[in-house]
C-alpha atoms as a PDB file:
ATOM      1  CA  MET A   1      10.209  -6.061 -13.421  1.00  0.00           C
ATOM      2  CA  PHE A   2      11.396  -5.371 -10.062  1.00  0.00           C
ATOM      3  CA  LEU A   3      11.320  -1.525  -9.124  1.00  0.00           C
ATOM      4  CA  VAL A   4      14.572   0.109  -7.632  1.00  0.00           C
ATOM      5  CA  VAL A   5      14.426   2.420  -4.827  1.00  0.00           C
ATOM      6  CA  SER A   6      16.007   5.495  -5.860  1.00  0.00           C
ATOM      7  CA  LEU A   7      16.576   8.264  -3.156  1.00  0.00           C
ATOM      8  CA  GLY A   8      18.089  10.814  -5.451  1.00  0.00           C
ATOM      9  CA  LYS A   9      16.874  13.990  -6.902  1.00  0.00           C
ATOM     10  CA  THR A  10      13.220  14.167  -8.050  1.00  0.00           C
ATOM     11  CA  LYS A  11      11.268  16.261 -10.197  1.00  0.00           C
ATOM     12  CA  GLU A  12       8.926  17.386  -7.600  1.00  0.00           C
ATOM     13  CA  ASP A  13      10.993  17.085  -4.066  1.00  0.00           C
ATOM     14  CA  GLY A  14      14.518  18.332  -4.992  1.00  0.00           C
ATOM     15  CA  ASP A  15      17.274  16.493  -3.091  1.00  0.00           C
ATOM     16  CA  MET A  16      16.410  13.425  -1.076  1.00  0.00           C
ATOM     17  CA  LYS A  17      18.334  12.861   1.828  1.00  0.00           C
ATOM     18  CA  TYR A  18      18.473   9.096   2.703  1.00  0.00           C
ATOM     19  CA  PRO A  19      20.129   7.222   0.114  1.00  0.00           C
ATOM     20  CA  TRP A  20      21.405   4.688   2.386  1.00  0.00           C
ATOM     21  CA  ILE A  21      18.238   3.190   3.301  1.00  0.00           C
ATOM     22  CA  ASP A  22      18.180   0.290   0.804  1.00  0.00           C
ATOM     23  CA  GLY A  23      21.677  -1.101   1.729  1.00  0.00           C
ATOM     24  CA  TYR A  24      20.894  -0.471   5.462  1.00  0.00           C
ATOM     25  CA  LEU A  25      17.715  -2.564   5.603  1.00  0.00           C
ATOM     26  CA  LEU A  26      18.854  -5.308   3.474  1.00  0.00           C
ATOM     27  CA  ARG A  27      22.068  -5.726   5.924  1.00  0.00           C
ATOM     28  CA  LYS A  28      19.635  -6.567   8.753  1.00  0.00           C
ATOM     29  CA  ARG A  29      19.537 -10.345   9.288  1.00  0.00           C
ATOM     30  CA  SER A  30      16.866 -12.167   7.385  1.00  0.00           C
ATOM     31  CA  VAL A  31      15.165  -9.229   5.703  1.00  0.00           C
ATOM     32  CA  THR A  32      13.382  -9.654   2.271  1.00  0.00           C
ATOM     33  CA  LYS A  33      12.288  -7.104  -0.298  1.00  0.00           C
ATOM     34  CA  ASP A  34       9.487  -6.875  -2.448  1.00  0.00           C
ATOM     35  CA  VAL A  35       7.423  -4.618  -4.145  1.00  0.00           C
ATOM     36  CA  GLN A  36       3.563  -4.225  -3.803  1.00  0.00           C
ATOM     37  CA  THR A  37       2.626  -3.323  -7.048  1.00  0.00           C
ATOM     38  CA  ASP A  38      -0.945  -1.807  -6.518  1.00  0.00           C
ATOM     39  CA  TRP A  39       0.615   0.965  -4.527  1.00  0.00           C
ATOM     40  CA  ASN A  40       4.105   0.949  -5.817  1.00  0.00           C
ATOM     41  CA  TRP A  41       5.618   0.584  -2.492  1.00  0.00           C
ATOM     42  CA  VAL A  42       8.982  -1.201  -1.731  1.00  0.00           C
ATOM     43  CA  ARG A  43       8.434  -3.319   1.314  1.00  0.00           C
ATOM     44  CA  TYR A  44      11.156  -4.620   3.627  1.00  0.00           C
ATOM     45  CA  ARG A  45       9.950  -7.674   5.593  1.00  0.00           C
ATOM     46  CA  ILE A  46      11.153 -10.087   8.297  1.00  0.00           C
ATOM     47  CA  GLY A  47       9.257 -13.420   8.107  1.00  0.00           C
ATOM     48  CA  ASP A  48       6.079 -12.753   6.378  1.00  0.00           C
ATOM     49  CA  LYS A  49       5.527  -9.210   7.996  1.00  0.00           C
ATOM     50  CA  MET A  50       6.337  -5.637   6.728  1.00  0.00           C
ATOM     51  CA  PHE A  51       8.570  -3.483   9.011  1.00  0.00           C
ATOM     52  CA  ALA A  52       9.285  -0.696   6.699  1.00  0.00           C
ATOM     53  CA  ALA A  53       8.156   1.097   3.276  1.00  0.00           C
ATOM     54  CA  VAL A  54       9.458   3.434   0.776  1.00  0.00           C
ATOM     55  CA  CYS A  55       6.213   4.566  -0.696  1.00  0.00           C
ATOM     56  CA  GLN A  56       6.997   5.618  -4.170  1.00  0.00           C
ATOM     57  CA  ASN A  57       4.713   7.452  -7.007  1.00  0.00           C
ATOM     58  CA  TRP A  58       4.089   6.201 -10.289  1.00  0.00           C
ATOM     59  CA  ASP A  59       7.484   7.709 -11.532  1.00  0.00           C
ATOM     60  CA  ASP A  60       9.169   5.705  -8.969  1.00  0.00           C
ATOM     61  CA  GLN A  61      10.312   8.500  -6.633  1.00  0.00           C
ATOM     62  CA  PRO A  62       9.636   8.147  -2.813  1.00  0.00           C
ATOM     63  CA  TYR A  63       7.100  10.455  -1.221  1.00  0.00           C
ATOM     64  CA  TYR A  64       7.156   8.493   2.358  1.00  0.00           C
ATOM     65  CA  ILE A  65       9.267   6.145   4.342  1.00  0.00           C
ATOM     66  CA  THR A  66       6.990   4.155   6.682  1.00  0.00           C
ATOM     67  CA  LEU A  67       7.634   2.356   9.660  1.00  0.00           C
ATOM     68  CA  LYS A  68       6.213   1.074  12.861  1.00  0.00           C
ATOM     69  CA  LEU A  69       7.119   2.462  16.707  1.00  0.00           C
ATOM     70  CA  GLU A  70       5.608   2.087  19.852  1.00  0.00           C
ATOM     71  CA  SER A  71       2.435   4.255  20.141  1.00  0.00           C
ATOM     72  CA  MET A  72       3.706   6.771  22.711  1.00  0.00           C
ATOM     73  CA  GLU A  73       7.288   7.116  21.012  1.00  0.00           C
ATOM     74  CA  GLY A  74       5.356   7.602  17.678  1.00  0.00           C
ATOM     75  CA  GLU A  75       3.271  10.239  19.378  1.00  0.00           C
ATOM     76  CA  VAL A  76       6.346  12.390  21.073  1.00  0.00           C
ATOM     77  CA  LEU A  77       8.488  12.229  17.554  1.00  0.00           C
ATOM     78  CA  ARG A  78       5.490  13.642  15.403  1.00  0.00           C
ATOM     79  CA  LYS A  79       5.523  16.595  18.018  1.00  0.00           C
ATOM     80  CA  GLN A  80       9.055  17.062  17.732  1.00  0.00           C
ATOM     81  CA  TYR A  81       9.429  16.769  13.867  1.00  0.00           C
ATOM     82  CA  PRO A  82       6.805  18.093  11.456  1.00  0.00           C
ATOM     83  CA  ASP A  83       8.429  15.686   8.847  1.00  0.00           C
ATOM     84  CA  ILE A  84       7.365  12.804  10.506  1.00  0.00           C
ATOM     85  CA  VAL A  85       3.539  12.014  10.166  1.00  0.00           C
ATOM     86  CA  PRO A  86       1.056   9.364  11.026  1.00  0.00           C
ATOM     87  CA  GLY A  87       1.305   6.298   8.982  1.00  0.00           C
ATOM     88  CA  TYR A  88       0.204   6.865   5.377  1.00  0.00           C
ATOM     89  CA  TYR A  89      -2.465   4.182   4.517  1.00  0.00           C
ATOM     90  CA  MET A  90      -1.561   2.309   7.920  1.00  0.00           C
ATOM     91  CA  ASN A  91      -2.493   2.147  11.503  1.00  0.00           C
ATOM     92  CA  LYS A  92      -2.055   5.859  12.656  1.00  0.00           C
ATOM     93  CA  GLU A  93      -1.359   4.517  16.287  1.00  0.00           C
ATOM     94  CA  TRP A  94       1.591   2.499  15.664  1.00  0.00           C
ATOM     95  CA  TRP A  95       2.848   3.247  12.032  1.00  0.00           C
ATOM     96  CA  ASN A  96       4.564   6.773  11.176  1.00  0.00           C
ATOM     97  CA  SER A  97       5.798   8.042   7.743  1.00  0.00           C
ATOM     98  CA  VAL A  98       8.853  10.350   7.476  1.00  0.00           C
ATOM     99  CA  LYS A  99       9.326  12.694   4.470  1.00  0.00           C
ATOM    100  CA  PRO A 100      12.189  11.852   2.586  1.00  0.00           C
ATOM    101  CA  ASP A 101      13.304  15.268   1.737  1.00  0.00           C
ATOM    102  CA  GLY A 102      12.672  16.337   5.361  1.00  0.00           C
ATOM    103  CA  ASP A 103      14.807  17.533   8.520  1.00  0.00           C
ATOM    104  CA  VAL A 104      14.736  14.177  10.383  1.00  0.00           C
ATOM    105  CA  PRO A 105      18.624  13.435  11.127  1.00  0.00           C
ATOM    106  CA  ASP A 106      20.077  10.334   9.672  1.00  0.00           C
ATOM    107  CA  ASP A 107      20.638   8.787  13.103  1.00  0.00           C
ATOM    108  CA  LEU A 108      17.306   9.304  14.238  1.00  0.00           C
ATOM    109  CA  LEU A 109      15.790   7.431  11.301  1.00  0.00           C
ATOM    110  CA  LYS A 110      18.399   4.820  11.557  1.00  0.00           C
ATOM    111  CA  ASP A 111      17.051   4.204  15.231  1.00  0.00           C
ATOM    112  CA  MET A 112      13.464   4.361  13.990  1.00  0.00           C
ATOM    113  CA  LEU A 113      14.090   1.707  11.607  1.00  0.00           C
ATOM    114  CA  ASP A 114      16.028  -0.549  14.019  1.00  0.00           C
ATOM    115  CA  LYS A 115      13.263  -0.122  16.415  1.00  0.00           C
ATOM    116  CA  SER A 116      10.408  -0.987  13.623  1.00  0.00           C
ATOM    117  CA  TYR A 117      12.628  -4.414  12.792  1.00  0.00           C
ATOM    118  CA  ARG A 118      12.594  -5.375  16.192  1.00  0.00           C
ATOM    119  CA  LEU A 119       8.949  -4.537  16.975  1.00  0.00           C
ATOM    120  CA  VAL A 120       7.759  -6.672  14.244  1.00  0.00           C
ATOM    121  CA  LEU A 121      10.242  -9.498  14.823  1.00  0.00           C
ATOM    122  CA  GLU A 122       9.174  -9.568  18.457  1.00  0.00           C
ATOM    123  CA  SER A 123       5.486 -10.004  17.047  1.00  0.00           C
ATOM    124  CA  PHE A 124       6.312 -13.635  16.255  1.00  0.00           C
ATOM    125  CA  SER A 125       6.662 -16.054  18.958  1.00  0.00           C
ATOM    126  CA  LYS A 126      10.078 -16.785  20.367  1.00  0.00           C
ATOM    127  CA  LYS A 127      10.650 -19.976  18.786  1.00  0.00           C
ATOM    128  CA  ARG A 128       9.525 -18.462  15.466  1.00  0.00           C
ATOM    129  CA  GLN A 129      11.971 -15.450  15.913  1.00  0.00           C
ATOM    130  CA  ARG A 130      14.843 -18.084  16.104  1.00  0.00           C
ATOM    131  CA  GLU A 131      13.720 -19.848  13.109  1.00  0.00           C
ATOM    132  CA  ILE A 132      13.299 -16.676  11.183  1.00  0.00           C
ATOM    133  CA  LEU A 133      16.775 -15.376  12.147  1.00  0.00           C
ATOM    134  CA  GLY A 134      18.559 -19.055  11.659  1.00  0.00           C
ATOM    135  CA  LEU A 135      20.294 -18.612  14.677  1.00  0.00           C
ATOM    136  CA  SER A 136      20.267 -20.557  18.125  1.00  0.00           C
ATOM    137  CA  CYS A 137      19.419 -18.477  21.342  1.00  0.00           C
ATOM    138  CA  CYS A 138      23.267 -18.065  21.619  1.00  0.00           C
ATOM    139  CA  GLY A 139      23.785 -16.616  18.222  1.00  0.00           C
ATOM    140  CA  THR A 140      24.934 -19.865  16.406  1.00  0.00           C
ATOM    141  CA  GLU A 141      24.106 -20.645  12.875  1.00  0.00           C
ATOM    142  CA  CYS A 142      23.374 -24.156  13.165  1.00  0.00           C
ATOM    143  CA  GLU A 143      23.434 -24.800   9.428  1.00  0.00           C
ATOM    144  CA  THR A 144      27.069 -23.921   9.052  1.00  0.00           C
ATOM    145  CA  CYS A 145      27.985 -26.346  11.681  1.00  0.00           C
ATOM    146  CA  GLY A 146      29.804 -29.373  10.434  1.00  0.00           C
ATOM    147  CA  CYS A 147      27.765 -31.724  13.048  1.00  0.00           C
ATOM    148  CA  TYR A 148      24.506 -30.162  11.605  1.00  0.00           C
ATOM    149  CA  GLY A 149      22.179 -33.012   9.841  1.00  0.00           C
ATOM    150  CA  SER A 150      24.426 -35.689  10.983  1.00  0.00           C
ATOM    151  CA  LEU A 151      25.153 -35.627  14.781  1.00  0.00           C
ATOM    152  CA  CYS A 152      22.726 -32.914  15.557  1.00  0.00           C
ATOM    153  CA  LYS A 153      19.646 -31.454  14.178  1.00  0.00           C
ATOM    154  CA  GLY A 154      20.367 -27.749  15.533  1.00  0.00           C
ATOM    155  CA  CYS A 155      19.477 -26.123  18.528  1.00  0.00           C
ATOM    156  CA  ASN A 156      15.965 -24.977  17.556  1.00  0.00           C
ATOM    157  CA  ALA A 157      14.791 -28.213  16.025  1.00  0.00           C
ATOM    158  CA  SER A 158      16.010 -30.453  19.379  1.00  0.00           C
ATOM    159  CA  ALA A 159      14.921 -27.748  21.719  1.00  0.00           C
ATOM    160  CA  GLY A 160      18.645 -27.131  22.855  1.00  0.00           C
ATOM    161  CA  LYS A 161      19.671 -30.638  23.076  1.00  0.00           C
ATOM    162  CA  VAL A 162      22.411 -30.622  20.751  1.00  0.00           C
ATOM    163  CA  PHE A 163      25.247 -32.728  20.222  1.00  0.00           C
ATOM    164  CA  HIS A 164      27.798 -31.523  23.069  1.00  0.00           C
ATOM    165  CA  ALA A 165      24.976 -31.327  25.576  1.00  0.00           C
ATOM    166  CA  PRO A 166      24.641 -33.586  28.409  1.00  0.00           C
ATOM    167  CA  ALA A 167      22.762 -36.761  27.204  1.00  0.00           C
ATOM    168  CA  GLY A 168      18.935 -36.288  27.388  1.00  0.00           C
ATOM    169  CA  LYS A 169      19.257 -32.784  28.463  1.00  0.00           C
ATOM    170  CA  ALA A 170      19.297 -29.039  26.823  1.00  0.00           C
ATOM    171  CA  CYS A 171      22.375 -27.109  26.532  1.00  0.00           C
ATOM    172  CA  PRO A 172      23.068 -25.092  29.777  1.00  0.00           C
ATOM    173  CA  ILE A 173      22.705 -21.617  27.318  1.00  0.00           C
ATOM    174  CA  TYR A 174      19.256 -22.889  26.079  1.00  0.00           C
ATOM    175  CA  GLY A 175      18.246 -23.684  29.359  1.00  0.00           C
ATOM    176  CA  CYS A 176      19.000 -20.404  30.986  1.00  0.00           C
ATOM    177  CA  SER A 177      17.943 -18.145  28.170  1.00  0.00           C
ATOM    178  CA  VAL A 178      14.691 -19.986  26.719  1.00  0.00           C
ATOM    179  CA  GLN A 179      13.528 -22.380  29.455  1.00  0.00           C
ATOM    180  CA  LYS A 180      14.368 -20.303  32.646  1.00  0.00           C
ATOM    181  CA  HIS A 181      14.015 -16.724  31.353  1.00  0.00           C
ATOM    182  CA  LYS A 182      11.519 -17.203  28.705  1.00  0.00           C
ATOM    183  CA  LEU A 183      13.451 -15.133  25.935  1.00  0.00           C
ATOM    184  CA  ALA A 184      13.983 -15.472  22.296  1.00  0.00           C
ATOM    185  CA  ASN A 185      17.727 -15.387  22.460  1.00  0.00           C
ATOM    186  CA  CYS A 186      20.540 -14.156  24.711  1.00  0.00           C
ATOM    187  CA  ARG A 187      20.496 -10.468  23.150  1.00  0.00           C
ATOM    188  CA  GLY A 188      18.625  -8.895  25.850  1.00  0.00           C
ATOM    189  CA  CYS A 189      20.671 -10.234  28.769  1.00  0.00           C
ATOM    190  CA  ASP A 190      22.656  -7.468  30.397  1.00  0.00           C
ATOM    191  CA  LEU A 191      25.514 -10.139  31.229  1.00  0.00           C
ATOM    192  CA  LEU A 192      26.166 -11.388  27.814  1.00  0.00           C
ATOM    193  CA  PRO A 193      28.351 -13.208  27.326  1.00  0.00           C
ATOM    194  CA  CYS A 194      27.579 -14.539  30.732  1.00  0.00           C
ATOM    195  CA  THR A 195      29.511 -17.270  32.947  1.00  0.00           C
ATOM    196  CA  VAL A 196      27.334 -20.014  31.320  1.00  0.00           C
ATOM    197  CA  TRP A 197      28.463 -18.951  28.001  1.00  0.00           C
ATOM    198  CA  LYS A 198      31.865 -19.266  29.150  1.00  0.00           C
ATOM    199  CA  GLN A 199      31.413 -22.633  30.545  1.00  0.00           C
ATOM    200  CA  THR A 200      29.725 -24.242  27.812  1.00  0.00           C
ATOM    201  CA  LYS A 201      32.183 -24.694  24.976  1.00  0.00           C
ATOM    202  CA  ASP A 202      31.777 -27.179  21.898  1.00  0.00           C
ATOM    203  CA  PRO A 203      34.773 -29.722  22.713  1.00  0.00           C
ATOM    204  CA  ALA A 204      36.126 -29.670  19.051  1.00  0.00           C
ATOM    205  CA  LEU A 205      37.405 -25.808  19.796  1.00  0.00           C
ATOM    206  CA  SER A 206      40.587 -25.038  21.058  1.00  0.00           C
ATOM    207  CA  GLU A 207      40.644 -21.769  23.593  1.00  0.00           C
ATOM    208  CA  GLU A 208      41.641 -19.607  20.963  1.00  0.00           C
ATOM    209  CA  GLU A 209      38.813 -20.811  18.665  1.00  0.00           C
ATOM    210  CA  PHE A 210      36.132 -20.545  21.147  1.00  0.00           C
ATOM    211  CA  GLU A 211      37.155 -17.357  22.227  1.00  0.00           C
ATOM    212  CA  ALA A 212      36.880 -16.247  18.504  1.00  0.00           C
ATOM    213  CA  ASN A 213      33.402 -17.946  18.520  1.00  0.00           C
ATOM    214  CA  VAL A 214      32.073 -16.305  21.279  1.00  0.00           C
ATOM    215  CA  LEU A 215      32.638 -13.037  20.047  1.00  0.00           C
ATOM    216  CA  GLU A 216      31.247 -13.858  16.806  1.00  0.00           C
ATOM    217  CA  ARG A 217      28.190 -15.095  18.367  1.00  0.00           C
ATOM    218  CA  VAL A 218      27.869 -12.250  20.550  1.00  0.00           C
ATOM    219  CA  GLN A 219      28.044  -9.511  17.262  1.00  0.00           C
ATOM    220  CA  ARG A 220      25.411 -11.491  15.433  1.00  0.00           C
ATOM    221  CA  LEU A 221      23.064 -11.126  18.841  1.00  0.00           C
ATOM    222  CA  LYS A 222      23.758  -7.543  18.885  1.00  0.00           C
ATOM    223  CA  GLN A 223      23.209  -6.869  15.207  1.00  0.00           C
ATOM    224  CA  ILE A 224      19.293  -8.076  15.814  1.00  0.00           C
END
């Protein structure tokens, strides 16, 4: 039986403050959810690694929200907020636990969860990150493309040598992001979308369709 995270009122802790957590985390790209039954933790994972957990007692009531941060940031936040403590049953340098009925602001907790997601995602190789996310370096979902599996194996599988790239060469965006700058994707580039993006157009798209496609891909990357 799958346990449901309930962040409502509990017998012991009164009003819980973060009812949005489950939906917020499951909206993140490629996140899965399971239950570690021995501990009764609801875990949120990217790839095969946990980046957040709601630790529940045996009445299925939350007593900690656990996540990962850079060690220095975690230390600073624990000094500022009594309701943030060293990670419960986790590495105390990198993991932190938040009391679900405490005074940590929603926006701060969301920021902490976002950072935990990215930290764990970035612990994979850059190629594996693209595979986990199901995105090319430019934010394209190759499997939704009509050319996927026929004209094209997809950006990740072909090392950027997609159907519309120059013969035998990688797409210019892949060449810039992955080969030249050694990035997992274009998300971290201050110039996104850059001139290379604007000059690299799927010939099947009209100008209007291309502009909409660029905006869509940028949005996907920014949501990581």
